[in-house]
Amino acid sequence: MNLQEWIDHYYLEEHYNCSETIIRAANQYYHLGLDEESMKLLSGFGSGMYTGLTCGALIGCTAVLSKLLIQTKAHDQLDTFRPIIQACVRNFKEELHDTECRNIRKTWYDPKLHCVHTVQAAGNALAKTIIESQLI
């Protein structure tokens, strides 16, 4: 399956939230090697940390890039890490026009499908960032 198919699977069929869906779909598609317990770390970031703040799907994208990039800690790799995270945020904003859950939901939320379109767009931003950065 491709990344979007994994996103649909985890969001629509398994009913994970936005941040959980991104990490799980990316774990499958990019072979991140994360175990079940590690992926639970993203659970609290759904719905903008349940406050409408930073979109959980964007946080999930950042977590994926962190797993792909960081060998020791972020401060050891800031020269490469920072611009890639910034590119991801830029790509996310190009897709969704905002980074705040409460604002994104106004346009992208579907009463029946909830935030699936947001998570799909986040997947596009993540994939674009990975390709642009030549991470895979």
N, C-alpha and C. Protein backbone atom coordinates (compact mmCIF):
# COMPACT_ATOMS: atom_id res chain seq x y z
N MET A 1 0.84 -1.19 0.00
CA MET A 1 0.00 0.00 0.00
C MET A 1 0.89 1.25 0.00
N ASN A 2 0.37 2.32 -0.59
CA ASN A 2 1.10 3.58 -0.55
C ASN A 2 0.76 4.35 0.73
N LEU A 3 1.41 5.48 0.94
CA LEU A 3 1.22 6.23 2.17
C LEU A 3 -0.24 6.64 2.36
N GLN A 4 -0.88 7.13 1.31
CA GLN A 4 -2.27 7.56 1.42
C GLN A 4 -3.20 6.39 1.78
N GLU A 5 -2.92 5.23 1.24
CA GLU A 5 -3.73 4.06 1.57
C GLU A 5 -3.56 3.67 3.04
N TRP A 6 -2.33 3.76 3.54
CA TRP A 6 -2.10 3.50 4.96
C TRP A 6 -2.82 4.53 5.81
N ILE A 7 -2.80 5.79 5.39
CA ILE A 7 -3.51 6.85 6.12
C ILE A 7 -5.00 6.53 6.18
N ASP A 8 -5.58 6.21 5.05
CA ASP A 8 -7.01 5.87 5.03
C ASP A 8 -7.30 4.67 5.93
N HIS A 9 -6.43 3.68 5.88
CA HIS A 9 -6.62 2.48 6.70
C HIS A 9 -6.65 2.84 8.19
N TYR A 10 -5.63 3.55 8.65
CA TYR A 10 -5.54 3.83 10.08
C TYR A 10 -6.59 4.83 10.54
N TYR A 11 -6.92 5.81 9.70
CA TYR A 11 -7.89 6.82 10.12
C TYR A 11 -9.32 6.32 9.98
N LEU A 12 -9.66 5.80 8.81
CA LEU A 12 -11.04 5.43 8.53
C LEU A 12 -11.42 4.04 9.04
N GLU A 13 -10.49 3.11 9.00
CA GLU A 13 -10.83 1.74 9.39
C GLU A 13 -10.45 1.42 10.84
N GLU A 14 -9.31 1.91 11.28
CA GLU A 14 -8.85 1.61 12.64
C GLU A 14 -9.22 2.71 13.64
N HIS A 15 -9.65 3.86 13.14
CA HIS A 15 -10.15 4.97 13.96
C HIS A 15 -9.10 5.59 14.89
N TYR A 16 -7.87 5.69 14.40
CA TYR A 16 -6.85 6.42 15.14
C TYR A 16 -7.03 7.91 14.90
N ASN A 17 -6.53 8.74 15.81
CA ASN A 17 -6.63 10.19 15.60
C ASN A 17 -5.58 10.64 14.58
N CYS A 18 -5.54 11.93 14.32
CA CYS A 18 -4.68 12.47 13.25
C CYS A 18 -3.20 12.20 13.49
N SER A 19 -2.71 12.48 14.68
CA SER A 19 -1.28 12.27 14.95
C SER A 19 -0.93 10.79 14.97
N GLU A 20 -1.80 9.97 15.56
CA GLU A 20 -1.57 8.52 15.57
C GLU A 20 -1.56 7.96 14.16
N THR A 21 -2.47 8.45 13.32
CA THR A 21 -2.57 7.96 11.95
C THR A 21 -1.29 8.25 11.18
N ILE A 22 -0.78 9.46 11.28
CA ILE A 22 0.44 9.81 10.54
C ILE A 22 1.60 8.93 10.96
N ILE A 23 1.82 8.77 12.26
CA ILE A 23 2.97 7.98 12.71
C ILE A 23 2.81 6.52 12.31
N ARG A 24 1.60 5.99 12.41
CA ARG A 24 1.37 4.59 12.06
C ARG A 24 1.50 4.35 10.55
N ALA A 25 0.91 5.24 9.76
CA ALA A 25 1.00 5.09 8.31
C ALA A 25 2.45 5.22 7.84
N ALA A 26 3.16 6.20 8.38
CA ALA A 26 4.57 6.38 8.01
C ALA A 26 5.42 5.22 8.50
N ASN A 27 5.10 4.68 9.65
CA ASN A 27 5.84 3.53 10.17
C ASN A 27 5.73 2.35 9.20
N GLN A 28 4.56 2.14 8.66
CA GLN A 28 4.36 1.07 7.69
C GLN A 28 5.05 1.39 6.36
N TYR A 29 4.78 2.58 5.84
CA TYR A 29 5.24 2.91 4.50
C TYR A 29 6.75 3.14 4.42
N TYR A 30 7.29 3.83 5.41
CA TYR A 30 8.72 4.15 5.39
C TYR A 30 9.57 3.18 6.22
N HIS A 31 8.93 2.16 6.77
CA HIS A 31 9.64 1.13 7.55
C HIS A 31 10.48 1.75 8.66
N LEU A 32 9.81 2.54 9.51
CA LEU A 32 10.51 3.24 10.58
C LEU A 32 10.95 2.32 11.72
N GLY A 33 10.31 1.19 11.84
CA GLY A 33 10.69 0.24 12.88
C GLY A 33 10.21 0.60 14.28
N LEU A 34 9.17 1.41 14.36
CA LEU A 34 8.62 1.78 15.67
C LEU A 34 7.74 0.67 16.21
N ASP A 35 7.84 0.41 17.50
CA ASP A 35 6.97 -0.59 18.10
C ASP A 35 5.68 0.07 18.58
N GLU A 36 4.74 -0.76 18.96
CA GLU A 36 3.41 -0.29 19.39
C GLU A 36 3.50 0.73 20.53
N GLU A 37 4.33 0.45 21.50
CA GLU A 37 4.46 1.35 22.65
C GLU A 37 5.00 2.71 22.24
N SER A 38 5.94 2.74 21.33
CA SER A 38 6.51 4.01 20.86
C SER A 38 5.46 4.85 20.14
N MET A 39 4.62 4.21 19.35
CA MET A 39 3.62 4.97 18.59
C MET A 39 2.56 5.58 19.50
N LYS A 40 2.37 5.01 20.68
CA LYS A 40 1.40 5.58 21.63
C LYS A 40 1.81 6.97 22.09
N LEU A 41 3.08 7.31 21.94
CA LEU A 41 3.55 8.64 22.36
C LEU A 41 2.85 9.77 21.62
N LEU A 42 2.30 9.49 20.45
CA LEU A 42 1.64 10.52 19.65
C LEU A 42 0.15 10.67 19.98
N SER A 43 -0.39 9.82 20.82
CA SER A 43 -1.83 9.80 21.09
C SER A 43 -2.38 11.11 21.62
N GLY A 44 -1.65 11.80 22.45
CA GLY A 44 -2.15 13.02 23.08
C GLY A 44 -2.12 14.26 22.21
N PHE A 45 -1.68 14.11 20.97
CA PHE A 45 -1.55 15.28 20.11
C PHE A 45 -2.72 15.47 19.15
N GLY A 46 -3.69 14.56 19.17
CA GLY A 46 -4.86 14.69 18.30
C GLY A 46 -5.65 15.94 18.63
N SER A 47 -6.35 16.45 17.62
CA SER A 47 -7.19 17.65 17.78
C SER A 47 -6.42 18.82 18.36
N GLY A 48 -5.20 18.97 17.90
CA GLY A 48 -4.39 20.08 18.40
C GLY A 48 -4.18 19.99 19.90
N MET A 49 -3.79 18.79 20.36
CA MET A 49 -3.62 18.49 21.79
C MET A 49 -4.94 18.71 22.52
N TYR A 50 -6.04 18.42 21.80
CA TYR A 50 -7.40 18.56 22.33
C TYR A 50 -7.71 19.97 22.81
N THR A 51 -7.01 20.93 22.21
CA THR A 51 -7.24 22.35 22.52
C THR A 51 -7.41 23.19 21.27
N GLY A 52 -7.27 22.57 20.08
CA GLY A 52 -7.36 23.32 18.84
C GLY A 52 -6.07 24.01 18.45
N LEU A 53 -4.99 23.75 19.16
CA LEU A 53 -3.71 24.39 18.84
C LEU A 53 -3.04 23.67 17.68
N THR A 54 -1.74 23.50 17.67
CA THR A 54 -1.02 22.93 16.54
C THR A 54 -1.64 21.59 16.12
N CYS A 55 -1.93 21.48 14.83
CA CYS A 55 -2.58 20.29 14.28
C CYS A 55 -1.77 19.03 14.62
N GLY A 56 -2.46 18.03 15.13
CA GLY A 56 -1.82 16.77 15.47
C GLY A 56 -1.18 16.08 14.28
N ALA A 57 -1.76 16.26 13.10
CA ALA A 57 -1.17 15.65 11.90
C ALA A 57 0.20 16.27 11.60
N LEU A 58 0.34 17.57 11.82
CA LEU A 58 1.64 18.22 11.64
C LEU A 58 2.64 17.72 12.69
N ILE A 59 2.18 17.55 13.90
CA ILE A 59 3.06 17.00 14.94
C ILE A 59 3.49 15.59 14.56
N GLY A 60 2.57 14.81 14.01
CA GLY A 60 2.92 13.48 13.54
C GLY A 60 3.98 13.52 12.46
N CYS A 61 3.84 14.46 11.53
CA CYS A 61 4.85 14.62 10.47
C CYS A 61 6.21 14.95 11.06
N THR A 62 6.23 15.83 12.05
CA THR A 62 7.48 16.20 12.70
C THR A 62 8.11 15.00 13.40
N ALA A 63 7.28 14.18 14.01
CA ALA A 63 7.79 12.97 14.68
C ALA A 63 8.42 12.01 13.67
N VAL A 64 7.78 11.86 12.52
CA VAL A 64 8.32 10.98 11.47
C VAL A 64 9.68 11.49 11.01
N LEU A 65 9.76 12.78 10.72
CA LEU A 65 11.03 13.36 10.27
C LEU A 65 12.10 13.23 11.34
N SER A 66 11.71 13.38 12.59
CA SER A 66 12.67 13.21 13.69
C SER A 66 13.23 11.80 13.68
N LYS A 67 12.36 10.82 13.51
CA LYS A 67 12.81 9.42 13.49
C LYS A 67 13.74 9.17 12.31
N LEU A 68 13.43 9.76 11.16
CA LEU A 68 14.27 9.56 9.97
C LEU A 68 15.62 10.26 10.07
N LEU A 69 15.67 11.38 10.77
CA LEU A 69 16.86 12.23 10.75
C LEU A 69 17.79 12.13 11.95
N ILE A 70 17.23 12.09 13.12
CA ILE A 70 18.04 12.27 14.33
C ILE A 70 18.78 10.99 14.69
N GLN A 71 20.09 11.14 14.83
CA GLN A 71 20.93 10.00 15.22
C GLN A 71 21.23 10.02 16.71
N THR A 72 21.37 11.20 17.30
CA THR A 72 21.64 11.30 18.74
C THR A 72 20.62 12.22 19.40
N LYS A 73 20.69 13.51 19.08
CA LYS A 73 19.73 14.50 19.58
C LYS A 73 19.66 15.66 18.60
N ALA A 74 18.58 16.39 18.65
CA ALA A 74 18.34 17.48 17.69
C ALA A 74 19.47 18.51 17.69
N HIS A 75 19.95 18.88 18.86
CA HIS A 75 20.99 19.92 18.92
C HIS A 75 22.28 19.51 18.21
N ASP A 76 22.51 18.23 18.07
CA ASP A 76 23.70 17.77 17.35
C ASP A 76 23.55 17.89 15.84
N GLN A 77 22.32 18.08 15.37
CA GLN A 77 22.07 18.09 13.92
C GLN A 77 21.24 19.28 13.47
N LEU A 78 21.26 20.36 14.22
CA LEU A 78 20.40 21.50 13.89
C LEU A 78 20.61 22.04 12.49
N ASP A 79 21.83 22.03 11.99
CA ASP A 79 22.09 22.58 10.66
C ASP A 79 21.31 21.86 9.57
N THR A 80 21.08 20.59 9.73
CA THR A 80 20.29 19.84 8.74
C THR A 80 18.85 19.66 9.20
N PHE A 81 18.64 19.47 10.49
CA PHE A 81 17.31 19.17 11.02
C PHE A 81 16.36 20.36 10.91
N ARG A 82 16.81 21.53 11.36
CA ARG A 82 15.95 22.72 11.38
C ARG A 82 15.36 23.04 10.00
N PRO A 83 16.17 23.12 8.93
CA PRO A 83 15.58 23.47 7.64
C PRO A 83 14.60 22.42 7.11
N ILE A 84 14.80 21.17 7.47
CA ILE A 84 13.87 20.13 7.00
C ILE A 84 12.54 20.24 7.74
N ILE A 85 12.58 20.49 9.04
CA ILE A 85 11.34 20.70 9.79
C ILE A 85 10.64 21.96 9.29
N GLN A 86 11.39 23.01 9.03
CA GLN A 86 10.80 24.24 8.49
C GLN A 86 10.17 23.99 7.13
N ALA A 87 10.80 23.18 6.31
CA ALA A 87 10.23 22.83 5.00
C ALA A 87 8.93 22.06 5.17
N CYS A 88 8.89 21.18 6.14
CA CYS A 88 7.66 20.42 6.38
C CYS A 88 6.52 21.35 6.80
N VAL A 89 6.81 22.29 7.68
CA VAL A 89 5.78 23.24 8.10
C VAL A 89 5.33 24.07 6.90
N ARG A 90 6.27 24.50 6.07
CA ARG A 90 5.92 25.25 4.86
C ARG A 90 5.03 24.41 3.94
N ASN A 91 5.42 23.16 3.71
CA ASN A 91 4.64 22.28 2.84
C ASN A 91 3.26 22.02 3.42
N PHE A 92 3.18 21.86 4.72
CA PHE A 92 1.91 21.66 5.41
C PHE A 92 1.01 22.88 5.21
N LYS A 93 1.58 24.07 5.39
CA LYS A 93 0.80 25.30 5.21
C LYS A 93 0.37 25.50 3.75
N GLU A 94 1.20 25.06 2.81
CA GLU A 94 0.80 25.13 1.40
C GLU A 94 -0.41 24.23 1.15
N GLU A 95 -0.45 23.10 1.79
CA GLU A 95 -1.57 22.16 1.62
C GLU A 95 -2.83 22.65 2.35
N LEU A 96 -2.67 23.08 3.60
CA LEU A 96 -3.82 23.32 4.47
C LEU A 96 -4.03 24.79 4.85
N HIS A 97 -3.10 25.67 4.48
CA HIS A 97 -3.21 27.12 4.68
C HIS A 97 -3.15 27.57 6.14
N ASP A 98 -2.81 26.67 7.04
CA ASP A 98 -2.70 27.02 8.46
C ASP A 98 -2.01 25.86 9.17
N THR A 99 -1.64 26.07 10.41
CA THR A 99 -1.08 24.98 11.22
C THR A 99 -1.92 24.72 12.47
N GLU A 100 -2.88 25.58 12.75
CA GLU A 100 -3.71 25.45 13.94
C GLU A 100 -4.95 24.61 13.64
N CYS A 101 -5.15 23.60 14.46
CA CYS A 101 -6.29 22.71 14.29
C CYS A 101 -7.61 23.48 14.20
N ARG A 102 -7.82 24.42 15.10
CA ARG A 102 -9.11 25.12 15.14
C ARG A 102 -9.40 25.86 13.83
N ASN A 103 -8.37 26.35 13.17
CA ASN A 103 -8.55 27.05 11.89
C ASN A 103 -8.69 26.07 10.74
N ILE A 104 -7.91 25.02 10.76
CA ILE A 104 -7.98 24.01 9.70
C ILE A 104 -9.35 23.35 9.68
N ARG A 105 -9.88 23.05 10.85
CA ARG A 105 -11.18 22.38 10.95
C ARG A 105 -12.30 23.19 10.29
N LYS A 106 -12.20 24.49 10.32
CA LYS A 106 -13.24 25.34 9.72
C LYS A 106 -13.42 25.04 8.24
N THR A 107 -12.35 24.68 7.57
CA THR A 107 -12.38 24.43 6.13
C THR A 107 -12.40 22.94 5.80
N TRP A 108 -11.63 22.17 6.53
CA TRP A 108 -11.35 20.79 6.13
C TRP A 108 -12.18 19.73 6.85
N TYR A 109 -12.81 20.04 7.96
CA TYR A 109 -13.54 19.04 8.73
C TYR A 109 -14.79 18.59 7.99
N ASP A 110 -15.03 17.30 8.00
CA ASP A 110 -16.22 16.70 7.39
C ASP A 110 -17.00 15.99 8.51
N PRO A 111 -18.28 16.31 8.68
CA PRO A 111 -19.04 15.71 9.78
C PRO A 111 -19.07 14.17 9.75
N LYS A 112 -18.99 13.59 8.58
CA LYS A 112 -19.01 12.12 8.48
C LYS A 112 -17.61 11.52 8.52
N LEU A 113 -16.67 12.17 7.85
CA LEU A 113 -15.31 11.62 7.73
C LEU A 113 -14.32 12.28 8.69
N HIS A 114 -14.81 13.24 9.45
CA HIS A 114 -14.00 13.95 10.44
C HIS A 114 -12.80 14.62 9.77
N CYS A 115 -11.58 14.31 10.18
CA CYS A 115 -10.39 15.02 9.69
C CYS A 115 -9.59 14.23 8.66
N VAL A 116 -10.21 13.29 7.99
CA VAL A 116 -9.45 12.46 7.05
C VAL A 116 -8.80 13.29 5.95
N HIS A 117 -9.47 14.33 5.47
CA HIS A 117 -8.89 15.15 4.40
C HIS A 117 -7.66 15.92 4.91
N THR A 118 -7.71 16.35 6.14
CA THR A 118 -6.56 17.01 6.76
C THR A 118 -5.39 16.05 6.86
N VAL A 119 -5.65 14.84 7.32
CA VAL A 119 -4.58 13.86 7.50
C VAL A 119 -4.01 13.45 6.14
N GLN A 120 -4.85 13.35 5.13
CA GLN A 120 -4.35 13.04 3.78
C GLN A 120 -3.45 14.16 3.27
N ALA A 121 -3.88 15.41 3.48
CA ALA A 121 -3.06 16.55 3.05
C ALA A 121 -1.74 16.60 3.83
N ALA A 122 -1.80 16.27 5.11
CA ALA A 122 -0.57 16.20 5.91
C ALA A 122 0.37 15.13 5.36
N GLY A 123 -0.19 14.01 4.95
CA GLY A 123 0.61 12.95 4.33
C GLY A 123 1.29 13.44 3.06
N ASN A 124 0.57 14.24 2.28
CA ASN A 124 1.17 14.83 1.08
C ASN A 124 2.34 15.75 1.44
N ALA A 125 2.14 16.57 2.47
CA ALA A 125 3.20 17.49 2.91
C ALA A 125 4.42 16.71 3.41
N LEU A 126 4.17 15.65 4.14
CA LEU A 126 5.27 14.82 4.64
C LEU A 126 6.03 14.18 3.50
N ALA A 127 5.31 13.57 2.57
CA ALA A 127 5.96 12.91 1.43
C ALA A 127 6.76 13.91 0.61
N LYS A 128 6.20 15.09 0.38
CA LYS A 128 6.91 16.13 -0.38
C LYS A 128 8.19 16.53 0.34
N THR A 129 8.12 16.68 1.65
CA THR A 129 9.30 17.06 2.43
C THR A 129 10.37 15.98 2.34
N ILE A 130 9.96 14.74 2.45
CA ILE A 130 10.92 13.63 2.39
C ILE A 130 11.59 13.57 1.02
N ILE A 131 10.81 13.78 -0.03
CA ILE A 131 11.37 13.77 -1.39
C ILE A 131 12.31 14.97 -1.59
N GLU A 132 11.84 16.16 -1.23
CA GLU A 132 12.67 17.37 -1.38
C GLU A 132 13.99 17.26 -0.61
N SER A 133 13.93 16.65 0.54
CA SER A 133 15.11 16.54 1.41
C SER A 133 15.96 15.32 1.10
N GLN A 134 15.49 14.53 0.15
CA GLN A 134 16.20 13.31 -0.27
C GLN A 134 16.50 12.39 0.91
N LEU A 135 15.50 12.24 1.78
CA LEU A 135 15.67 11.38 2.95
C LEU A 135 15.50 9.91 2.61
N ILE A 136 14.74 9.64 1.58
CA ILE A 136 14.53 8.25 1.15
C ILE A 136 14.60 8.21 -0.37
